[in-house]
């Protein structure tokens, strides 16, 4: 399964990706990729258009930042590839495992999918 970029311009995709992973708001840069409500997030993440977000859709969507920063495409973010040039190396598998844990915390009803309300709520 493959995610779709929020904007056709590679600079916009990278800015959006970094903002998603590290929680940094680059409002002027990401303006065209900005979403207004959890329904907007749901619509963008929901690749199969079934009205809910699966774990794979969630992981794929939120892996843009990882993919954008992994300049040597080795599947590991080295400290040099991370903001500030520091941090422990993290593999793509570790990144996806962290996302899976966050997904499970947000899946309040335990059905294995996120709806708009669950996407809007912080993980428990």
PDB file of N, CA and C in Angstrom:
ATOM      1  N   UNK A   1       0.837  -1.167   0.000  1.00  0.00           N
ATOM      2  CA  UNK A   1       0.000   0.000   0.000  1.00  0.00           C
ATOM      3  C   UNK A   1       0.888   1.237   0.000  1.00  0.00           C
ATOM      4  N   UNK A   2       0.513   2.236  -0.739  1.00  0.00           N
ATOM      5  CA  UNK A   2       1.340   3.415  -0.877  1.00  0.00           C
ATOM      6  C   UNK A   2       0.525   4.653  -0.558  1.00  0.00           C
ATOM      7  N   UNK A   3       1.122   5.592   0.170  1.00  0.00           N
ATOM      8  CA  UNK A   3       0.451   6.842   0.498  1.00  0.00           C
ATOM      9  C   UNK A   3       0.505   7.806  -0.674  1.00  0.00           C
ATOM     10  N   UNK A   4      -0.413   8.711  -0.678  1.00  0.00           N
ATOM     11  CA  UNK A   4      -0.406   9.758  -1.680  1.00  0.00           C
ATOM     12  C   UNK A   4       0.076  11.052  -1.035  1.00  0.00           C
ATOM     13  N   UNK A   5       0.964  11.780  -1.700  1.00  0.00           N
ATOM     14  CA  UNK A   5       1.489  13.008  -1.118  1.00  0.00           C
ATOM     15  C   UNK A   5       0.405  14.074  -0.982  1.00  0.00           C
ATOM     16  N   UNK A   6       0.538  14.947   0.029  1.00  0.00           N
ATOM     17  CA  UNK A   6      -0.453  15.976   0.240  1.00  0.00           C
ATOM     18  C   UNK A   6      -0.397  17.076  -0.808  1.00  0.00           C
ATOM     19  N   UNK A   7       0.707  17.197  -1.524  1.00  0.00           N
ATOM     20  CA  UNK A   7       0.848  18.218  -2.555  1.00  0.00           C
ATOM     21  C   UNK A   7       1.821  17.711  -3.603  1.00  0.00           C
ATOM     22  N   UNK A   8       1.688  18.136  -4.855  1.00  0.00           N
ATOM     23  CA  UNK A   8       2.574  17.631  -5.902  1.00  0.00           C
ATOM     24  C   UNK A   8       4.014  18.133  -5.787  1.00  0.00           C
ATOM     25  N   UNK A   9       4.242  19.255  -5.158  1.00  0.00           N
ATOM     26  CA  UNK A   9       5.573  19.840  -5.044  1.00  0.00           C
ATOM     27  C   UNK A   9       6.395  19.076  -4.004  1.00  0.00           C
ATOM     28  N   UNK A  10       7.561  18.518  -4.354  1.00  0.00           N
ATOM     29  CA  UNK A  10       8.376  17.748  -3.395  1.00  0.00           C
ATOM     30  C   UNK A  10       8.741  18.543  -2.150  1.00  0.00           C
ATOM     31  N   UNK A  11       8.932  19.848  -2.292  1.00  0.00           N
ATOM     32  CA  UNK A  11       9.262  20.663  -1.111  1.00  0.00           C
ATOM     33  C   UNK A  11       8.099  20.677  -0.129  1.00  0.00           C
ATOM     34  N   UNK A  12       6.888  20.708  -0.638  1.00  0.00           N
ATOM     35  CA  UNK A  12       5.713  20.699   0.222  1.00  0.00           C
ATOM     36  C   UNK A  12       5.574  19.348   0.919  1.00  0.00           C
ATOM     37  N   UNK A  13       5.834  18.262   0.186  1.00  0.00           N
ATOM     38  CA  UNK A  13       5.751  16.925   0.795  1.00  0.00           C
ATOM     39  C   UNK A  13       6.740  16.804   1.942  1.00  0.00           C
ATOM     40  N   UNK A  14       7.970  17.258   1.733  1.00  0.00           N
ATOM     41  CA  UNK A  14       8.992  17.166   2.772  1.00  0.00           C
ATOM     42  C   UNK A  14       8.612  18.004   3.986  1.00  0.00           C
ATOM     43  N   UNK A  15       8.165  19.226   3.761  1.00  0.00           N
ATOM     44  CA  UNK A  15       7.777  20.095   4.873  1.00  0.00           C
ATOM     45  C   UNK A  15       6.628  19.467   5.660  1.00  0.00           C
ATOM     46  N   UNK A  16       5.658  18.917   4.944  1.00  0.00           N
ATOM     47  CA  UNK A  16       4.524  18.283   5.605  1.00  0.00           C
ATOM     48  C   UNK A  16       4.984  17.066   6.403  1.00  0.00           C
ATOM     49  N   UNK A  17       5.858  16.287   5.818  1.00  0.00           N
ATOM     50  CA  UNK A  17       6.352  15.080   6.474  1.00  0.00           C
ATOM     51  C   UNK A  17       7.075  15.414   7.771  1.00  0.00           C
ATOM     52  N   UNK A  18       7.955  16.388   7.727  1.00  0.00           N
ATOM     53  CA  UNK A  18       8.694  16.774   8.927  1.00  0.00           C
ATOM     54  C   UNK A  18       7.729  17.282   9.988  1.00  0.00           C
ATOM     55  N   UNK A  19       6.752  18.071   9.585  1.00  0.00           N
ATOM     56  CA  UNK A  19       5.775  18.599  10.537  1.00  0.00           C
ATOM     57  C   UNK A  19       4.987  17.474  11.194  1.00  0.00           C
ATOM     58  N   UNK A  20       4.605  16.466  10.428  1.00  0.00           N
ATOM     59  CA  UNK A  20       3.826  15.348  10.987  1.00  0.00           C
ATOM     60  C   UNK A  20       4.615  14.573  12.026  1.00  0.00           C
ATOM     61  N   UNK A  21       5.841  14.214  11.711  1.00  0.00           N
ATOM     62  CA  UNK A  21       6.607  13.366  12.617  1.00  0.00           C
ATOM     63  C   UNK A  21       7.047  14.106  13.869  1.00  0.00           C
ATOM     64  N   UNK A  22       7.483  15.324  13.735  1.00  0.00           N
ATOM     65  CA  UNK A  22       8.051  16.028  14.864  1.00  0.00           C
ATOM     66  C   UNK A  22       7.113  17.058  15.477  1.00  0.00           C
ATOM     67  N   UNK A  23       5.892  17.148  14.979  1.00  0.00           N
ATOM     68  CA  UNK A  23       4.907  18.022  15.593  1.00  0.00           C
ATOM     69  C   UNK A  23       5.225  19.495  15.445  1.00  0.00           C
ATOM     70  N   UNK A  24       5.987  19.836  14.439  1.00  0.00           N
ATOM     71  CA  UNK A  24       6.384  21.218  14.223  1.00  0.00           C
ATOM     72  C   UNK A  24       5.399  21.848  13.245  1.00  0.00           C
ATOM     73  N   UNK A  25       4.903  23.007  13.563  1.00  0.00           N
ATOM     74  CA  UNK A  25       3.929  23.661  12.684  1.00  0.00           C
ATOM     75  C   UNK A  25       4.653  24.620  11.744  1.00  0.00           C
ATOM     76  N   UNK A  26       4.725  24.249  10.482  1.00  0.00           N
ATOM     77  CA  UNK A  26       5.282  25.112   9.453  1.00  0.00           C
ATOM     78  C   UNK A  26       4.124  25.691   8.648  1.00  0.00           C
ATOM     79  N   UNK A  27       3.266  26.437   9.289  1.00  0.00           N
ATOM     80  CA  UNK A  27       2.025  26.897   8.664  1.00  0.00           C
ATOM     81  C   UNK A  27       2.226  27.572   7.316  1.00  0.00           C
ATOM     82  N   UNK A  28       3.160  28.506   7.162  1.00  0.00           N
ATOM     83  CA  UNK A  28       3.270  29.146   5.846  1.00  0.00           C
ATOM     84  C   UNK A  28       3.716  28.175   4.756  1.00  0.00           C
ATOM     85  N   UNK A  29       4.586  27.230   5.090  1.00  0.00           N
ATOM     86  CA  UNK A  29       5.102  26.298   4.102  1.00  0.00           C
ATOM     87  C   UNK A  29       4.069  25.235   3.752  1.00  0.00           C
ATOM     88  N   UNK A  30       3.307  24.808   4.741  1.00  0.00           N
ATOM     89  CA  UNK A  30       2.400  23.697   4.570  1.00  0.00           C
ATOM     90  C   UNK A  30       0.972  24.153   4.267  1.00  0.00           C
ATOM     91  N   UNK A  31       0.771  25.423   4.071  1.00  0.00           N
ATOM     92  CA  UNK A  31      -0.575  25.972   3.950  1.00  0.00           C
ATOM     93  C   UNK A  31      -1.445  25.206   2.966  1.00  0.00           C
ATOM     94  N   UNK A  32      -0.908  24.838   1.822  1.00  0.00           N
ATOM     95  CA  UNK A  32      -1.742  24.153   0.844  1.00  0.00           C
ATOM     96  C   UNK A  32      -2.023  22.707   1.238  1.00  0.00           C
ATOM     97  N   UNK A  33      -1.237  22.146   2.162  1.00  0.00           N
ATOM     98  CA  UNK A  33      -1.445  20.770   2.592  1.00  0.00           C
ATOM     99  C   UNK A  33      -2.183  20.704   3.924  1.00  0.00           C
ATOM    100  N   UNK A  34      -2.519  21.867   4.472  1.00  0.00           N
ATOM    101  CA  UNK A  34      -3.153  21.926   5.774  1.00  0.00           C
ATOM    102  C   UNK A  34      -4.539  21.314   5.741  1.00  0.00           C
ATOM    103  N   UNK A  35      -4.875  20.681   6.830  1.00  0.00           N
ATOM    104  CA  UNK A  35      -6.220  20.156   6.979  1.00  0.00           C
ATOM    105  C   UNK A  35      -6.896  20.924   8.096  1.00  0.00           C
ATOM    106  N   UNK A  36      -8.194  21.056   8.007  1.00  0.00           N
ATOM    107  CA  UNK A  36      -8.931  21.879   8.944  1.00  0.00           C
ATOM    108  C   UNK A  36      -9.571  21.058  10.053  1.00  0.00           C
ATOM    109  N   UNK A  37      -9.985  19.839   9.760  1.00  0.00           N
ATOM    110  CA  UNK A  37     -10.683  19.035  10.757  1.00  0.00           C
ATOM    111  C   UNK A  37     -10.228  17.579  10.684  1.00  0.00           C
ATOM    112  N   UNK A  38     -10.671  16.815  11.672  1.00  0.00           N
ATOM    113  CA  UNK A  38     -10.322  15.396  11.662  1.00  0.00           C
ATOM    114  C   UNK A  38     -10.956  14.684  10.463  1.00  0.00           C
ATOM    115  N   UNK A  39     -12.074  15.199   9.970  1.00  0.00           N
ATOM    116  CA  UNK A  39     -12.667  14.618   8.761  1.00  0.00           C
ATOM    117  C   UNK A  39     -11.743  14.789   7.561  1.00  0.00           C
ATOM    118  N   UNK A  40     -11.007  15.928   7.521  1.00  0.00           N
ATOM    119  CA  UNK A  40     -10.035  16.139   6.445  1.00  0.00           C
ATOM    120  C   UNK A  40      -8.897  15.122   6.550  1.00  0.00           C
ATOM    121  N   UNK A  41      -8.404  14.893   7.766  1.00  0.00           N
ATOM    122  CA  UNK A  41      -7.357  13.884   7.954  1.00  0.00           C
ATOM    123  C   UNK A  41      -7.865  12.519   7.521  1.00  0.00           C
ATOM    124  N   UNK A  42      -9.067  12.200   7.952  1.00  0.00           N
ATOM    125  CA  UNK A  42      -9.655  10.917   7.592  1.00  0.00           C
ATOM    126  C   UNK A  42      -9.724  10.766   6.076  1.00  0.00           C
ATOM    127  N   UNK A  43     -10.199  11.790   5.396  1.00  0.00           N
ATOM    128  CA  UNK A  43     -10.329  11.721   3.936  1.00  0.00           C
ATOM    129  C   UNK A  43      -8.973  11.532   3.262  1.00  0.00           C
ATOM    130  N   UNK A  44      -7.942  12.164   3.775  1.00  0.00           N
ATOM    131  CA  UNK A  44      -6.615  12.053   3.161  1.00  0.00           C
ATOM    132  C   UNK A  44      -5.940  10.726   3.471  1.00  0.00           C
ATOM    133  N   UNK A  45      -6.140  10.218   4.675  1.00  0.00           N
ATOM    134  CA  UNK A  45      -5.497   8.962   5.077  1.00  0.00           C
ATOM    135  C   UNK A  45      -6.226   7.741   4.536  1.00  0.00           C
ATOM    136  N   UNK A  46      -7.525   7.861   4.345  1.00  0.00           N
ATOM    137  CA  UNK A  46      -8.386   6.743   3.983  1.00  0.00           C
ATOM    138  C   UNK A  46      -8.243   6.408   2.493  1.00  0.00           C
ATOM    139  N   UNK A  47      -7.198   5.678   2.160  1.00  0.00           N
ATOM    140  CA  UNK A  47      -6.868   5.367   0.771  1.00  0.00           C
ATOM    141  C   UNK A  47      -7.959   4.536   0.096  1.00  0.00           C
ATOM    142  N   UNK A  48      -8.555   3.598   0.826  1.00  0.00           N
ATOM    143  CA  UNK A  48      -9.578   2.751   0.209  1.00  0.00           C
ATOM    144  C   UNK A  48     -10.987   3.340   0.325  1.00  0.00           C
ATOM    145  N   UNK A  49     -11.107   4.524   0.886  1.00  0.00           N
ATOM    146  CA  UNK A  49     -12.370   5.276   0.967  1.00  0.00           C
ATOM    147  C   UNK A  49     -13.504   4.503   1.638  1.00  0.00           C
ATOM    148  N   UNK A  50     -13.161   3.781   2.721  1.00  0.00           N
ATOM    149  CA  UNK A  50     -14.201   3.053   3.435  1.00  0.00           C
ATOM    150  C   UNK A  50     -14.701   3.814   4.672  1.00  0.00           C
ATOM    151  N   UNK A  51     -14.260   5.062   4.831  1.00  0.00           N
ATOM    152  CA  UNK A  51     -14.737   5.889   5.935  1.00  0.00           C
ATOM    153  C   UNK A  51     -14.015   5.674   7.243  1.00  0.00           C
ATOM    154  N   UNK A  52     -12.917   4.944   7.220  1.00  0.00           N
ATOM    155  CA  UNK A  52     -12.129   4.687   8.419  1.00  0.00           C
ATOM    156  C   UNK A  52     -10.681   4.480   8.012  1.00  0.00           C
ATOM    157  N   UNK A  53      -9.789   4.601   8.988  1.00  0.00           N
ATOM    158  CA  UNK A  53      -8.354   4.491   8.720  1.00  0.00           C
ATOM    159  C   UNK A  53      -7.827   3.219   9.365  1.00  0.00           C
ATOM    160  N   UNK A  54      -7.241   2.361   8.547  1.00  0.00           N
ATOM    161  CA  UNK A  54      -6.636   1.128   9.053  1.00  0.00           C
ATOM    162  C   UNK A  54      -5.234   1.426   9.568  1.00  0.00           C
ATOM    163  N   UNK A  55      -4.663   0.473  10.265  1.00  0.00           N
ATOM    164  CA  UNK A  55      -3.293   0.629  10.758  1.00  0.00           C
ATOM    165  C   UNK A  55      -2.337   0.873   9.600  1.00  0.00           C
ATOM    166  N   UNK A  56      -2.460   0.107   8.521  1.00  0.00           N
ATOM    167  CA  UNK A  56      -1.549   0.284   7.376  1.00  0.00           C
ATOM    168  C   UNK A  56      -1.695   1.666   6.754  1.00  0.00           C
ATOM    169  N   UNK A  57      -2.926   2.155   6.619  1.00  0.00           N
ATOM    170  CA  UNK A  57      -3.133   3.496   6.063  1.00  0.00           C
ATOM    171  C   UNK A  57      -2.503   4.549   6.971  1.00  0.00           C
ATOM    172  N   UNK A  58      -2.675   4.377   8.274  1.00  0.00           N
ATOM    173  CA  UNK A  58      -2.115   5.293   9.271  1.00  0.00           C
ATOM    174  C   UNK A  58      -0.586   5.300   9.192  1.00  0.00           C
ATOM    175  N   UNK A  59       0.004   4.114   9.185  1.00  0.00           N
ATOM    176  CA  UNK A  59       1.462   4.014   9.121  1.00  0.00           C
ATOM    177  C   UNK A  59       1.996   4.569   7.808  1.00  0.00           C
ATOM    178  N   UNK A  60       1.349   4.244   6.710  1.00  0.00           N
ATOM    179  CA  UNK A  60       1.814   4.734   5.411  1.00  0.00           C
ATOM    180  C   UNK A  60       1.751   6.252   5.345  1.00  0.00           C
ATOM    181  N   UNK A  61       0.647   6.825   5.805  1.00  0.00           N
ATOM    182  CA  UNK A  61       0.485   8.279   5.758  1.00  0.00           C
ATOM    183  C   UNK A  61       1.553   8.963   6.608  1.00  0.00           C
ATOM    184  N   UNK A  62       1.761   8.466   7.810  1.00  0.00           N
ATOM    185  CA  UNK A  62       2.696   9.113   8.720  1.00  0.00           C
ATOM    186  C   UNK A  62       4.150   8.700   8.486  1.00  0.00           C
ATOM    187  N   UNK A  63       4.410   7.916   7.475  1.00  0.00           N
ATOM    188  CA  UNK A  63       5.786   7.554   7.136  1.00  0.00           C
ATOM    189  C   UNK A  63       6.395   8.486   6.093  1.00  0.00           C
ATOM    190  N   UNK A  64       5.633   9.470   5.629  1.00  0.00           N
ATOM    191  CA  UNK A  64       6.188  10.446   4.684  1.00  0.00           C
ATOM    192  C   UNK A  64       7.449  11.095   5.233  1.00  0.00           C
ATOM    193  N   UNK A  65       7.405  11.502   6.493  1.00  0.00           N
ATOM    194  CA  UNK A  65       8.550  12.187   7.079  1.00  0.00           C
ATOM    195  C   UNK A  65       9.775  11.282   7.087  1.00  0.00           C
ATOM    196  N   UNK A  66       9.567  10.050   7.515  1.00  0.00           N
ATOM    197  CA  UNK A  66      10.681   9.107   7.547  1.00  0.00           C
ATOM    198  C   UNK A  66      11.279   8.976   6.152  1.00  0.00           C
ATOM    199  N   UNK A  67      10.423   8.730   5.175  1.00  0.00           N
ATOM    200  CA  UNK A  67      10.891   8.538   3.799  1.00  0.00           C
ATOM    201  C   UNK A  67      11.598   9.776   3.258  1.00  0.00           C
ATOM    202  N   UNK A  68      11.082  10.944   3.586  1.00  0.00           N
ATOM    203  CA  UNK A  68      11.687  12.183   3.108  1.00  0.00           C
ATOM    204  C   UNK A  68      13.062  12.428   3.732  1.00  0.00           C
ATOM    205  N   UNK A  69      13.214  12.044   4.986  1.00  0.00           N
ATOM    206  CA  UNK A  69      14.482  12.291   5.675  1.00  0.00           C
ATOM    207  C   UNK A  69      15.523  11.218   5.414  1.00  0.00           C
ATOM    208  N   UNK A  70      15.110  10.040   5.007  1.00  0.00           N
ATOM    209  CA  UNK A  70      16.043   8.936   4.763  1.00  0.00           C
ATOM    210  C   UNK A  70      16.725   9.156   3.407  1.00  0.00           C
ATOM    211  N   UNK A  71      17.662  10.085   3.398  1.00  0.00           N
ATOM    212  CA  UNK A  71      18.301  10.519   2.142  1.00  0.00           C
ATOM    213  C   UNK A  71      19.064   9.406   1.438  1.00  0.00           C
ATOM    214  N   UNK A  72      19.696   8.514   2.191  1.00  0.00           N
ATOM    215  CA  UNK A  72      20.459   7.447   1.535  1.00  0.00           C
ATOM    216  C   UNK A  72      19.605   6.202   1.272  1.00  0.00           C
ATOM    217  N   UNK A  73      18.334   6.263   1.627  1.00  0.00           N
ATOM    218  CA  UNK A  73      17.361   5.195   1.346  1.00  0.00           C
ATOM    219  C   UNK A  73      17.794   3.826   1.889  1.00  0.00           C
ATOM    220  N   UNK A  74      18.442   3.847   3.076  1.00  0.00           N
ATOM    221  CA  UNK A  74      18.877   2.581   3.660  1.00  0.00           C
ATOM    222  C   UNK A  74      17.893   2.040   4.695  1.00  0.00           C
ATOM    223  N   UNK A  75      16.764   2.727   4.896  1.00  0.00           N
ATOM    224  CA  UNK A  75      15.760   2.260   5.845  1.00  0.00           C
ATOM    225  C   UNK A  75      16.066   2.603   7.283  1.00  0.00           C
ATOM    226  N   UNK A  76      17.082   3.432   7.510  1.00  0.00           N
ATOM    227  CA  UNK A  76      17.457   3.854   8.855  1.00  0.00           C
ATOM    228  C   UNK A  76      17.703   5.361   8.834  1.00  0.00           C
ATOM    229  N   UNK A  77      17.113   6.068   9.816  1.00  0.00           N
ATOM    230  CA  UNK A  77      17.428   7.485   9.961  1.00  0.00           C
ATOM    231  C   UNK A  77      18.629   7.601  10.885  1.00  0.00           C
ATOM    232  N   UNK A  78      19.738   7.998  10.307  1.00  0.00           N
ATOM    233  CA  UNK A  78      20.944   8.217  11.100  1.00  0.00           C
ATOM    234  C   UNK A  78      20.809   9.573  11.785  1.00  0.00           C
ATOM    235  N   UNK A  79      21.647   9.849  12.792  1.00  0.00           N
ATOM    236  CA  UNK A  79      21.580  11.160  13.428  1.00  0.00           C
ATOM    237  C   UNK A  79      21.700  12.307  12.414  1.00  0.00           C
ATOM    238  N   UNK A  80      22.555  12.158  11.414  1.00  0.00           N
ATOM    239  CA  UNK A  80      22.743  13.214  10.417  1.00  0.00           C
ATOM    240  C   UNK A  80      21.482  13.470   9.592  1.00  0.00           C
ATOM    241  N   UNK A  81      20.608  12.491   9.482  1.00  0.00           N
ATOM    242  CA  UNK A  81      19.377  12.638   8.698  1.00  0.00           C
ATOM    243  C   UNK A  81      18.219  13.197   9.530  1.00  0.00           C
ATOM    244  N   UNK A  82      18.419  13.337  10.823  1.00  0.00           N
ATOM    245  CA  UNK A  82      17.368  13.824  11.711  1.00  0.00           C
ATOM    246  C   UNK A  82      17.532  15.311  11.964  1.00  0.00           C
ATOM    247  N   UNK A  83      16.431  16.002  12.280  1.00  0.00           N
ATOM    248  CA  UNK A  83      16.519  17.438  12.576  1.00  0.00           C
ATOM    249  C   UNK A  83      17.524  17.700  13.685  1.00  0.00           C
ATOM    250  N   UNK A  84      18.337  18.691  13.495  1.00  0.00           N
ATOM    251  CA  UNK A  84      19.363  19.023  14.473  1.00  0.00           C
ATOM    252  C   UNK A  84      20.591  18.146  14.375  1.00  0.00           C
ATOM    253  N   UNK A  85      20.571  17.153  13.483  1.00  0.00           N
ATOM    254  CA  UNK A  85      21.722  16.287  13.308  1.00  0.00           C
ATOM    255  C   UNK A  85      22.022  15.410  14.497  1.00  0.00           C
ATOM    256  N   UNK A  86      21.004  15.142  15.311  1.00  0.00           N
ATOM    257  CA  UNK A  86      21.239  14.284  16.470  1.00  0.00           C
ATOM    258  C   UNK A  86      20.039  13.402  16.740  1.00  0.00           C
ATOM    259  N   UNK A  87      20.249  12.446  17.591  1.00  0.00           N
ATOM    260  CA  UNK A  87      19.208  11.482  17.930  1.00  0.00           C
ATOM    261  C   UNK A  87      19.715  10.084  17.644  1.00  0.00           C
ATOM    262  N   UNK A  88      19.129   9.131  18.311  1.00  0.00           N
ATOM    263  CA  UNK A  88      19.510   7.736  18.091  1.00  0.00           C
ATOM    264  C   UNK A  88      19.022   7.294  16.718  1.00  0.00           C
ATOM    265  N   UNK A  89      19.795   6.450  16.045  1.00  0.00           N
ATOM    266  CA  UNK A  89      19.318   5.922  14.764  1.00  0.00           C
ATOM    267  C   UNK A  89      17.991   5.196  14.963  1.00  0.00           C
ATOM    268  N   UNK A  90      17.107   5.302  13.984  1.00  0.00           N
ATOM    269  CA  UNK A  90      15.820   4.623  14.057  1.00  0.00           C
ATOM    270  C   UNK A  90      15.533   3.970  12.707  1.00  0.00           C
ATOM    271  N   UNK A  91      15.179   2.712  12.756  1.00  0.00           N
ATOM    272  CA  UNK A  91      14.880   1.992  11.518  1.00  0.00           C
ATOM    273  C   UNK A  91      13.429   2.247  11.119  1.00  0.00           C
ATOM    274  N   UNK A  92      13.130   1.955   9.872  1.00  0.00           N
ATOM    275  CA  UNK A  92      11.760   2.103   9.386  1.00  0.00           C
ATOM    276  C   UNK A  92      10.825   1.182  10.182  1.00  0.00           C
ATOM    277  N   UNK A  93      11.286  -0.008  10.525  1.00  0.00           N
ATOM    278  CA  UNK A  93      10.482  -0.947  11.315  1.00  0.00           C
ATOM    279  C   UNK A  93      10.194  -0.388  12.703  1.00  0.00           C
ATOM    280  N   UNK A  94      11.192   0.214  13.341  1.00  0.00           N
ATOM    281  CA  UNK A  94      10.985   0.827  14.653  1.00  0.00           C
ATOM    282  C   UNK A  94       9.986   1.980  14.550  1.00  0.00           C
ATOM    283  N   UNK A  95      10.132   2.776  13.515  1.00  0.00           N
ATOM    284  CA  UNK A  95       9.213   3.898  13.287  1.00  0.00           C
ATOM    285  C   UNK A  95       7.782   3.385  13.130  1.00  0.00           C
ATOM    286  N   UNK A  96       7.591   2.358  12.315  1.00  0.00           N
ATOM    287  CA  UNK A  96       6.246   1.807  12.095  1.00  0.00           C
ATOM    288  C   UNK A  96       5.696   1.159  13.369  1.00  0.00           C
ATOM    289  N   UNK A  97       6.570   0.563  14.187  1.00  0.00           N
ATOM    290  CA  UNK A  97       6.134  -0.019  15.460  1.00  0.00           C
ATOM    291  C   UNK A  97       5.653   1.074  16.415  1.00  0.00           C
ATOM    292  N   UNK A  98       6.342   2.202  16.439  1.00  0.00           N
ATOM    293  CA  UNK A  98       5.901   3.335  17.273  1.00  0.00           C
ATOM    294  C   UNK A  98       4.546   3.846  16.801  1.00  0.00           C
ATOM    295  N   UNK A  99       4.391   3.934  15.486  1.00  0.00           N
ATOM    296  CA  UNK A  99       3.109   4.371  14.943  1.00  0.00           C
ATOM    297  C   UNK A  99       2.002   3.384  15.288  1.00  0.00           C
ATOM    298  N   UNK A 100       2.302   2.089  15.261  1.00  0.00           N
ATOM    299  CA  UNK A 100       1.308   1.066  15.601  1.00  0.00           C
ATOM    300  C   UNK A 100       0.870   1.211  17.057  1.00  0.00           C
ATOM    301  N   UNK A 101       1.798   1.491  17.936  1.00  0.00           N
ATOM    302  CA  UNK A 101       1.466   1.677  19.349  1.00  0.00           C
ATOM    303  C   UNK A 101       0.580   2.914  19.524  1.00  0.00           C
ATOM    304  N   UNK A 102       0.919   3.989  18.853  1.00  0.00           N
ATOM    305  CA  UNK A 102       0.101   5.204  18.920  1.00  0.00           C
ATOM    306  C   UNK A 102      -1.300   4.938  18.358  1.00  0.00           C
ATOM    307  N   UNK A 103      -1.360   4.191  17.258  1.00  0.00           N
ATOM    308  CA  UNK A 103      -2.640   3.826  16.648  1.00  0.00           C
ATOM    309  C   UNK A 103      -3.506   3.071  17.655  1.00  0.00           C
ATOM    310  N   UNK A 104      -2.920   2.073  18.314  1.00  0.00           N
ATOM    311  CA  UNK A 104      -3.670   1.275  19.294  1.00  0.00           C
ATOM    312  C   UNK A 104      -4.218   2.156  20.423  1.00  0.00           C
ATOM    313  N   UNK A 105      -3.434   3.138  20.839  1.00  0.00           N
ATOM    314  CA  UNK A 105      -3.887   4.039  21.897  1.00  0.00           C
ATOM    315  C   UNK A 105      -5.032   4.930  21.418  1.00  0.00           C
ATOM    316  N   UNK A 106      -5.027   5.303  20.167  1.00  0.00           N
ATOM    317  CA  UNK A 106      -6.086   6.156  19.632  1.00  0.00           C
ATOM    318  C   UNK A 106      -7.343   5.367  19.283  1.00  0.00           C
ATOM    319  N   UNK A 107      -7.225   4.087  19.079  1.00  0.00           N
ATOM    320  CA  UNK A 107      -8.360   3.250  18.701  1.00  0.00           C
ATOM    321  C   UNK A 107      -9.212   2.969  19.945  1.00  0.00           C
ATOM    322  N   UNK A 108      -9.979   3.969  20.354  1.00  0.00           N
ATOM    323  CA  UNK A 108     -10.723   3.922  21.615  1.00  0.00           C
ATOM    324  C   UNK A 108     -11.714   2.765  21.683  1.00  0.00           C
ATOM    325  N   UNK A 109     -12.361   2.437  20.590  1.00  0.00           N
ATOM    326  CA  UNK A 109     -13.347   1.357  20.627  1.00  0.00           C
ATOM    327  C   UNK A 109     -12.746  -0.012  20.303  1.00  0.00           C
ATOM    328  N   UNK A 110     -11.449  -0.056  20.004  1.00  0.00           N
ATOM    329  CA  UNK A 110     -10.750  -1.319  19.797  1.00  0.00           C
ATOM    330  C   UNK A 110     -11.156  -2.102  18.566  1.00  0.00           C
ATOM    331  N   UNK A 111     -11.702  -1.415  17.554  1.00  0.00           N
ATOM    332  CA  UNK A 111     -12.153  -2.140  16.362  1.00  0.00           C
ATOM    333  C   UNK A 111     -11.071  -2.306  15.294  1.00  0.00           C
ATOM    334  N   UNK A 112      -9.871  -1.780  15.557  1.00  0.00           N
ATOM    335  CA  UNK A 112      -8.785  -1.922  14.595  1.00  0.00           C
ATOM    336  C   UNK A 112      -8.771  -0.857  13.516  1.00  0.00           C
ATOM    337  N   UNK A 113      -9.613   0.157  13.662  1.00  0.00           N
ATOM    338  CA  UNK A 113      -9.692   1.266  12.712  1.00  0.00           C
ATOM    339  C   UNK A 113      -9.860   2.565  13.488  1.00  0.00           C
ATOM    340  N   UNK A 114      -9.481   3.667  12.859  1.00  0.00           N
ATOM    341  CA  UNK A 114      -9.708   4.976  13.457  1.00  0.00           C
ATOM    342  C   UNK A 114     -10.783   5.699  12.659  1.00  0.00           C
ATOM    343  N   UNK A 115     -11.741   6.266  13.386  1.00  0.00           N
ATOM    344  CA  UNK A 115     -12.732   7.117  12.748  1.00  0.00           C
ATOM    345  C   UNK A 115     -12.319   8.576  12.976  1.00  0.00           C
ATOM    346  N   UNK A 116     -13.091   9.516  12.479  1.00  0.00           N
ATOM    347  CA  UNK A 116     -12.739  10.935  12.601  1.00  0.00           C
ATOM    348  C   UNK A 116     -12.605  11.365  14.059  1.00  0.00           C
ATOM    349  N   UNK A 117     -13.490  10.879  14.919  1.00  0.00           N
ATOM    350  CA  UNK A 117     -13.443  11.245  16.335  1.00  0.00           C
ATOM    351  C   UNK A 117     -12.160  10.720  16.988  1.00  0.00           C
ATOM    352  N   UNK A 118     -11.796   9.481  16.676  1.00  0.00           N
ATOM    353  CA  UNK A 118     -10.576   8.898  17.254  1.00  0.00           C
ATOM    354  C   UNK A 118      -9.334   9.590  16.723  1.00  0.00           C
ATOM    355  N   UNK A 119      -9.349   9.992  15.452  1.00  0.00           N
ATOM    356  CA  UNK A 119      -8.210  10.722  14.909  1.00  0.00           C
ATOM    357  C   UNK A 119      -8.020  12.067  15.604  1.00  0.00           C
ATOM    358  N   UNK A 120      -9.115  12.696  15.988  1.00  0.00           N
ATOM    359  CA  UNK A 120      -9.055  14.011  16.623  1.00  0.00           C
ATOM    360  C   UNK A 120      -8.596  13.939  18.078  1.00  0.00           C
ATOM    361  N   UNK A 121      -8.796  12.794  18.720  1.00  0.00           N
ATOM    362  CA  UNK A 121      -8.459  12.647  20.138  1.00  0.00           C
ATOM    363  C   UNK A 121      -6.989  12.293  20.294  1.00  0.00           C
ATOM    364  N   UNK A 122      -6.350  12.844  21.336  1.00  0.00           N
ATOM    365  CA  UNK A 122      -4.965  12.444  21.608  1.00  0.00           C
ATOM    366  C   UNK A 122      -4.920  10.984  22.057  1.00  0.00           C
ATOM    367  N   UNK A 123      -3.815  10.297  21.794  1.00  0.00           N
ATOM    368  CA  UNK A 123      -3.708   8.904  22.255  1.00  0.00           C
ATOM    369  C   UNK A 123      -3.812   8.836  23.779  1.00  0.00           C
ATOM    370  N   UNK A 124      -4.465   7.784  24.266  1.00  0.00           N
ATOM    371  CA  UNK A 124      -4.595   7.609  25.719  1.00  0.00           C
ATOM    372  C   UNK A 124      -3.433   6.857  26.274  1.00  0.00           C
TER     373      UNK A 124
END
